[in-house]
């Protein structure tokens, strides 16, 4: 005998526990397929079950997935509103920044000078490889072919230069 047959025969409302046992696994699967997020699937399953239990109609079963679908739509709408709000706040914060702030320009110039000084301390080959890779945007494979070394050697030279620049920046801020 199916659940719906039992429900009609007894002409009584099923218990909350029976509704939860019946619908919880299907609802979780429904939400997981669409969201791929266990926590959100759990939350939306619980919200659907709450709304289902709040209905006092005999034909609740026909509304279960309509409730679930409506919750998904609401979730998407709320997410879109939150994103627009974040973008608005970010735009307002950026509007108050002065791109021609002398302090910011001076700080940038000082950092650039310090980076150039750190680059000058590198061995010529390392500096040359780093400039080709970072500033000229030449691939490591092409640099390796041009310099007659392996791509992994290029990678090591770039890493060596990056480490030297990072140390220089760190020393500057200490």
C-alpha atoms as a PDB file:
ATOM      1  CA  UNK A   1       0.000   0.000   0.000  1.00  0.00           C
ATOM      2  CA  UNK A   2       1.328   3.405  -0.955  1.00  0.00           C
ATOM      3  CA  UNK A   3       1.610   6.334   1.421  1.00  0.00           C
ATOM      4  CA  UNK A   4      -1.024   8.324  -0.450  1.00  0.00           C
ATOM      5  CA  UNK A   5      -3.478   5.385  -0.258  1.00  0.00           C
ATOM      6  CA  UNK A   6      -2.985   5.146   3.487  1.00  0.00           C
ATOM      7  CA  UNK A   7      -3.455   8.888   3.786  1.00  0.00           C
ATOM      8  CA  UNK A   8      -6.770   8.794   1.903  1.00  0.00           C
ATOM      9  CA  UNK A   9      -8.026   5.721   3.797  1.00  0.00           C
ATOM     10  CA  UNK A  10      -7.391   7.236   7.198  1.00  0.00           C
ATOM     11  CA  UNK A  11      -8.500  10.690   6.054  1.00  0.00           C
ATOM     12  CA  UNK A  12      -6.156  12.109   8.659  1.00  0.00           C
ATOM     13  CA  UNK A  13      -3.195  14.387   8.430  1.00  0.00           C
ATOM     14  CA  UNK A  14       0.094  12.482   8.463  1.00  0.00           C
ATOM     15  CA  UNK A  15       2.335  13.159  11.430  1.00  0.00           C
ATOM     16  CA  UNK A  16       5.180  15.653  11.042  1.00  0.00           C
ATOM     17  CA  UNK A  17       7.638  12.786  11.506  1.00  0.00           C
ATOM     18  CA  UNK A  18       6.016  10.841   8.670  1.00  0.00           C
ATOM     19  CA  UNK A  19       6.182  13.855   6.354  1.00  0.00           C
ATOM     20  CA  UNK A  20       9.822  14.438   7.204  1.00  0.00           C
ATOM     21  CA  UNK A  21      10.743  10.757   6.700  1.00  0.00           C
ATOM     22  CA  UNK A  22       8.953  10.752   3.363  1.00  0.00           C
ATOM     23  CA  UNK A  23      10.220  14.011   1.864  1.00  0.00           C
ATOM     24  CA  UNK A  24      13.580  14.847   3.443  1.00  0.00           C
ATOM     25  CA  UNK A  25      15.768  12.509   1.306  1.00  0.00           C
ATOM     26  CA  UNK A  26      14.073  13.524  -1.951  1.00  0.00           C
ATOM     27  CA  UNK A  27      14.294  17.230  -1.118  1.00  0.00           C
ATOM     28  CA  UNK A  28      17.977  16.997  -0.178  1.00  0.00           C
ATOM     29  CA  UNK A  29      18.703  15.247  -3.455  1.00  0.00           C
ATOM     30  CA  UNK A  30      16.662  17.860  -5.340  1.00  0.00           C
ATOM     31  CA  UNK A  31      18.618  20.748  -3.816  1.00  0.00           C
ATOM     32  CA  UNK A  32      22.032  19.047  -4.024  1.00  0.00           C
ATOM     33  CA  UNK A  33      21.607  18.450  -7.755  1.00  0.00           C
ATOM     34  CA  UNK A  34      20.911  22.123  -8.270  1.00  0.00           C
ATOM     35  CA  UNK A  35      23.221  23.767  -5.733  1.00  0.00           C
ATOM     36  CA  UNK A  36      26.073  21.305  -5.128  1.00  0.00           C
ATOM     37  CA  UNK A  37      26.369  22.703  -1.622  1.00  0.00           C
ATOM     38  CA  UNK A  38      25.433  20.447   1.301  1.00  0.00           C
ATOM     39  CA  UNK A  39      24.869  23.228   3.826  1.00  0.00           C
ATOM     40  CA  UNK A  40      22.539  25.172   1.544  1.00  0.00           C
ATOM     41  CA  UNK A  41      20.742  21.967   0.533  1.00  0.00           C
ATOM     42  CA  UNK A  42      20.166  21.177   4.213  1.00  0.00           C
ATOM     43  CA  UNK A  43      18.898  24.689   4.929  1.00  0.00           C
ATOM     44  CA  UNK A  44      16.523  24.717   1.982  1.00  0.00           C
ATOM     45  CA  UNK A  45      15.299  21.210   2.805  1.00  0.00           C
ATOM     46  CA  UNK A  46      14.476  22.329   6.336  1.00  0.00           C
ATOM     47  CA  UNK A  47      12.742  25.470   5.075  1.00  0.00           C
ATOM     48  CA  UNK A  48      10.681  23.421   2.611  1.00  0.00           C
ATOM     49  CA  UNK A  49       9.664  20.974   5.342  1.00  0.00           C
ATOM     50  CA  UNK A  50       8.672  23.832   7.637  1.00  0.00           C
ATOM     51  CA  UNK A  51       6.517  25.380   4.945  1.00  0.00           C
ATOM     52  CA  UNK A  52       5.035  21.997   4.135  1.00  0.00           C
ATOM     53  CA  UNK A  53       4.126  21.411   7.768  1.00  0.00           C
ATOM     54  CA  UNK A  54       2.554  24.857   8.004  1.00  0.00           C
ATOM     55  CA  UNK A  55       0.055  23.930   5.303  1.00  0.00           C
ATOM     56  CA  UNK A  56      -3.145  22.440   6.672  1.00  0.00           C
ATOM     57  CA  UNK A  57      -4.436  21.043   3.422  1.00  0.00           C
ATOM     58  CA  UNK A  58      -5.048  17.360   2.791  1.00  0.00           C
ATOM     59  CA  UNK A  59      -3.237  17.494  -0.602  1.00  0.00           C
ATOM     60  CA  UNK A  60       0.119  18.769   0.710  1.00  0.00           C
ATOM     61  CA  UNK A  61       2.081  16.279  -1.365  1.00  0.00           C
ATOM     62  CA  UNK A  62       1.295  18.010  -4.619  1.00  0.00           C
ATOM     63  CA  UNK A  63       2.979  21.196  -3.376  1.00  0.00           C
ATOM     64  CA  UNK A  64       6.270  19.829  -2.024  1.00  0.00           C
ATOM     65  CA  UNK A  65       8.433  20.445  -5.072  1.00  0.00           C
ATOM     66  CA  UNK A  66       6.606  23.647  -5.942  1.00  0.00           C
ATOM     67  CA  UNK A  67       7.630  24.938  -2.515  1.00  0.00           C
ATOM     68  CA  UNK A  68      11.182  23.716  -3.142  1.00  0.00           C
ATOM     69  CA  UNK A  69      11.358  25.380  -6.546  1.00  0.00           C
ATOM     70  CA  UNK A  70      10.019  28.649  -5.127  1.00  0.00           C
ATOM     71  CA  UNK A  71      12.707  28.570  -2.434  1.00  0.00           C
ATOM     72  CA  UNK A  72      15.388  28.145  -5.104  1.00  0.00           C
ATOM     73  CA  UNK A  73      14.007  31.127  -7.016  1.00  0.00           C
ATOM     74  CA  UNK A  74      13.917  33.204  -3.819  1.00  0.00           C
ATOM     75  CA  UNK A  75      17.512  32.192  -3.060  1.00  0.00           C
ATOM     76  CA  UNK A  76      18.635  33.333  -6.528  1.00  0.00           C
ATOM     77  CA  UNK A  77      16.800  36.637  -6.178  1.00  0.00           C
ATOM     78  CA  UNK A  78      18.315  37.298  -2.758  1.00  0.00           C
ATOM     79  CA  UNK A  79      21.766  36.405  -4.103  1.00  0.00           C
ATOM     80  CA  UNK A  80      21.350  38.853  -6.974  1.00  0.00           C
ATOM     81  CA  UNK A  81      20.262  41.591  -4.571  1.00  0.00           C
ATOM     82  CA  UNK A  82      23.282  40.924  -2.334  1.00  0.00           C
ATOM     83  CA  UNK A  83      25.632  41.073  -5.331  1.00  0.00           C
ATOM     84  CA  UNK A  84      24.154  44.378  -6.526  1.00  0.00           C
ATOM     85  CA  UNK A  85      24.483  45.749  -2.986  1.00  0.00           C
ATOM     86  CA  UNK A  86      28.152  44.689  -2.792  1.00  0.00           C
ATOM     87  CA  UNK A  87      28.860  46.273  -6.177  1.00  0.00           C
ATOM     88  CA  UNK A  88      27.141  49.498  -5.110  1.00  0.00           C
ATOM     89  CA  UNK A  89      29.104  49.682  -1.861  1.00  0.00           C
ATOM     90  CA  UNK A  90      32.350  48.958  -3.682  1.00  0.00           C
ATOM     91  CA  UNK A  91      31.632  51.642  -6.289  1.00  0.00           C
ATOM     92  CA  UNK A  92      30.847  54.164  -3.534  1.00  0.00           C
ATOM     93  CA  UNK A  93      34.086  53.363  -1.727  1.00  0.00           C
ATOM     94  CA  UNK A  94      36.089  53.703  -4.941  1.00  0.00           C
ATOM     95  CA  UNK A  95      34.407  57.017  -5.689  1.00  0.00           C
ATOM     96  CA  UNK A  96      35.872  58.506  -2.501  1.00  0.00           C
ATOM     97  CA  UNK A  97      39.423  57.518  -3.443  1.00  0.00           C
ATOM     98  CA  UNK A  98      41.433  60.158  -5.157  1.00  0.00           C
ATOM     99  CA  UNK A  99      43.465  58.493  -7.915  1.00  0.00           C
ATOM    100  CA  UNK A 100      45.755  61.510  -8.006  1.00  0.00           C
ATOM    101  CA  UNK A 101      46.483  61.497  -4.284  1.00  0.00           C
ATOM    102  CA  UNK A 102      50.054  62.720  -3.914  1.00  0.00           C
ATOM    103  CA  UNK A 103      50.729  60.399  -0.993  1.00  0.00           C
ATOM    104  CA  UNK A 104      49.629  57.333  -2.981  1.00  0.00           C
ATOM    105  CA  UNK A 105      51.675  58.415  -6.013  1.00  0.00           C
ATOM    106  CA  UNK A 106      54.771  59.022  -3.903  1.00  0.00           C
ATOM    107  CA  UNK A 107      54.404  55.668  -2.164  1.00  0.00           C
ATOM    108  CA  UNK A 108      54.082  53.926  -5.535  1.00  0.00           C
ATOM    109  CA  UNK A 109      57.169  55.700  -6.875  1.00  0.00           C
ATOM    110  CA  UNK A 110      59.141  54.696  -3.788  1.00  0.00           C
ATOM    111  CA  UNK A 111      58.097  51.068  -4.140  1.00  0.00           C
ATOM    112  CA  UNK A 112      59.014  51.086  -7.841  1.00  0.00           C
ATOM    113  CA  UNK A 113      62.430  52.598  -7.093  1.00  0.00           C
ATOM    114  CA  UNK A 114      63.033  50.013  -4.407  1.00  0.00           C
ATOM    115  CA  UNK A 115      62.016  47.193  -6.780  1.00  0.00           C
ATOM    116  CA  UNK A 116      64.338  48.520  -9.487  1.00  0.00           C
ATOM    117  CA  UNK A 117      67.174  48.732  -6.967  1.00  0.00           C
ATOM    118  CA  UNK A 118      66.508  45.137  -5.907  1.00  0.00           C
ATOM    119  CA  UNK A 119      66.488  44.045  -9.566  1.00  0.00           C
ATOM    120  CA  UNK A 120      69.880  45.697 -10.085  1.00  0.00           C
ATOM    121  CA  UNK A 121      71.383  43.537  -7.332  1.00  0.00           C
ATOM    122  CA  UNK A 122      70.438  40.340  -9.167  1.00  0.00           C
ATOM    123  CA  UNK A 123      72.897  38.535 -11.411  1.00  0.00           C
ATOM    124  CA  UNK A 124      72.547  39.785 -15.004  1.00  0.00           C
ATOM    125  CA  UNK A 125      71.143  36.507 -16.351  1.00  0.00           C
ATOM    126  CA  UNK A 126      68.514  36.236 -13.596  1.00  0.00           C
ATOM    127  CA  UNK A 127      67.518  39.876 -14.085  1.00  0.00           C
ATOM    128  CA  UNK A 128      67.323  39.434 -17.862  1.00  0.00           C
ATOM    129  CA  UNK A 129      65.139  36.299 -17.577  1.00  0.00           C
ATOM    130  CA  UNK A 130      62.883  37.956 -15.001  1.00  0.00           C
ATOM    131  CA  UNK A 131      62.347  41.060 -17.159  1.00  0.00           C
ATOM    132  CA  UNK A 132      61.587  38.945 -20.223  1.00  0.00           C
ATOM    133  CA  UNK A 133      59.096  36.847 -18.305  1.00  0.00           C
ATOM    134  CA  UNK A 134      57.355  39.433 -16.107  1.00  0.00           C
ATOM    135  CA  UNK A 135      57.539  42.619 -18.147  1.00  0.00           C
ATOM    136  CA  UNK A 136      57.815  41.421 -21.731  1.00  0.00           C
ATOM    137  CA  UNK A 137      55.348  38.552 -21.105  1.00  0.00           C
ATOM    138  CA  UNK A 138      57.475  36.014 -22.983  1.00  0.00           C
ATOM    139  CA  UNK A 139      56.736  32.395 -22.118  1.00  0.00           C
ATOM    140  CA  UNK A 140      59.221  30.375 -20.098  1.00  0.00           C
ATOM    141  CA  UNK A 141      59.599  27.915 -22.977  1.00  0.00           C
ATOM    142  CA  UNK A 142      60.515  30.712 -25.421  1.00  0.00           C
ATOM    143  CA  UNK A 143      62.966  32.218 -22.919  1.00  0.00           C
ATOM    144  CA  UNK A 144      64.531  28.790 -22.414  1.00  0.00           C
ATOM    145  CA  UNK A 145      64.995  28.366 -26.175  1.00  0.00           C
ATOM    146  CA  UNK A 146      66.489  31.854 -26.542  1.00  0.00           C
ATOM    147  CA  UNK A 147      68.886  31.416 -23.618  1.00  0.00           C
ATOM    148  CA  UNK A 148      69.810  27.803 -24.363  1.00  0.00           C
ATOM    149  CA  UNK A 149      68.576  26.491 -21.010  1.00  0.00           C
ATOM    150  CA  UNK A 150      65.702  24.279 -19.863  1.00  0.00           C
ATOM    151  CA  UNK A 151      62.263  25.668 -19.002  1.00  0.00           C
ATOM    152  CA  UNK A 152      62.749  24.480 -15.416  1.00  0.00           C
ATOM    153  CA  UNK A 153      65.943  26.560 -15.215  1.00  0.00           C
ATOM    154  CA  UNK A 154      63.958  29.580 -16.383  1.00  0.00           C
ATOM    155  CA  UNK A 155      61.379  28.830 -13.710  1.00  0.00           C
ATOM    156  CA  UNK A 156      64.132  28.669 -11.065  1.00  0.00           C
ATOM    157  CA  UNK A 157      65.597  31.994 -12.186  1.00  0.00           C
ATOM    158  CA  UNK A 158      62.179  33.678 -12.069  1.00  0.00           C
ATOM    159  CA  UNK A 159      61.566  32.242  -8.591  1.00  0.00           C
ATOM    160  CA  UNK A 160      64.997  33.465  -7.457  1.00  0.00           C
ATOM    161  CA  UNK A 161      64.196  36.984  -8.697  1.00  0.00           C
ATOM    162  CA  UNK A 162      60.757  36.961  -7.074  1.00  0.00           C
ATOM    163  CA  UNK A 163      62.259  35.884  -3.751  1.00  0.00           C
ATOM    164  CA  UNK A 164      64.828  38.716  -3.926  1.00  0.00           C
ATOM    165  CA  UNK A 165      62.090  41.266  -4.677  1.00  0.00           C
ATOM    166  CA  UNK A 166      59.909  39.938  -1.860  1.00  0.00           C
ATOM    167  CA  UNK A 167      62.809  40.205   0.591  1.00  0.00           C
ATOM    168  CA  UNK A 168      63.498  43.763  -0.539  1.00  0.00           C
ATOM    169  CA  UNK A 169      59.843  44.738  -0.094  1.00  0.00           C
ATOM    170  CA  UNK A 170      59.732  43.092   3.313  1.00  0.00           C
ATOM    171  CA  UNK A 171      62.907  44.862   4.464  1.00  0.00           C
ATOM    172  CA  UNK A 172      61.472  48.177   3.279  1.00  0.00           C
ATOM    173  CA  UNK A 173      58.365  47.733   5.423  1.00  0.00           C
ATOM    174  CA  UNK A 174      60.249  46.739   8.565  1.00  0.00           C
END
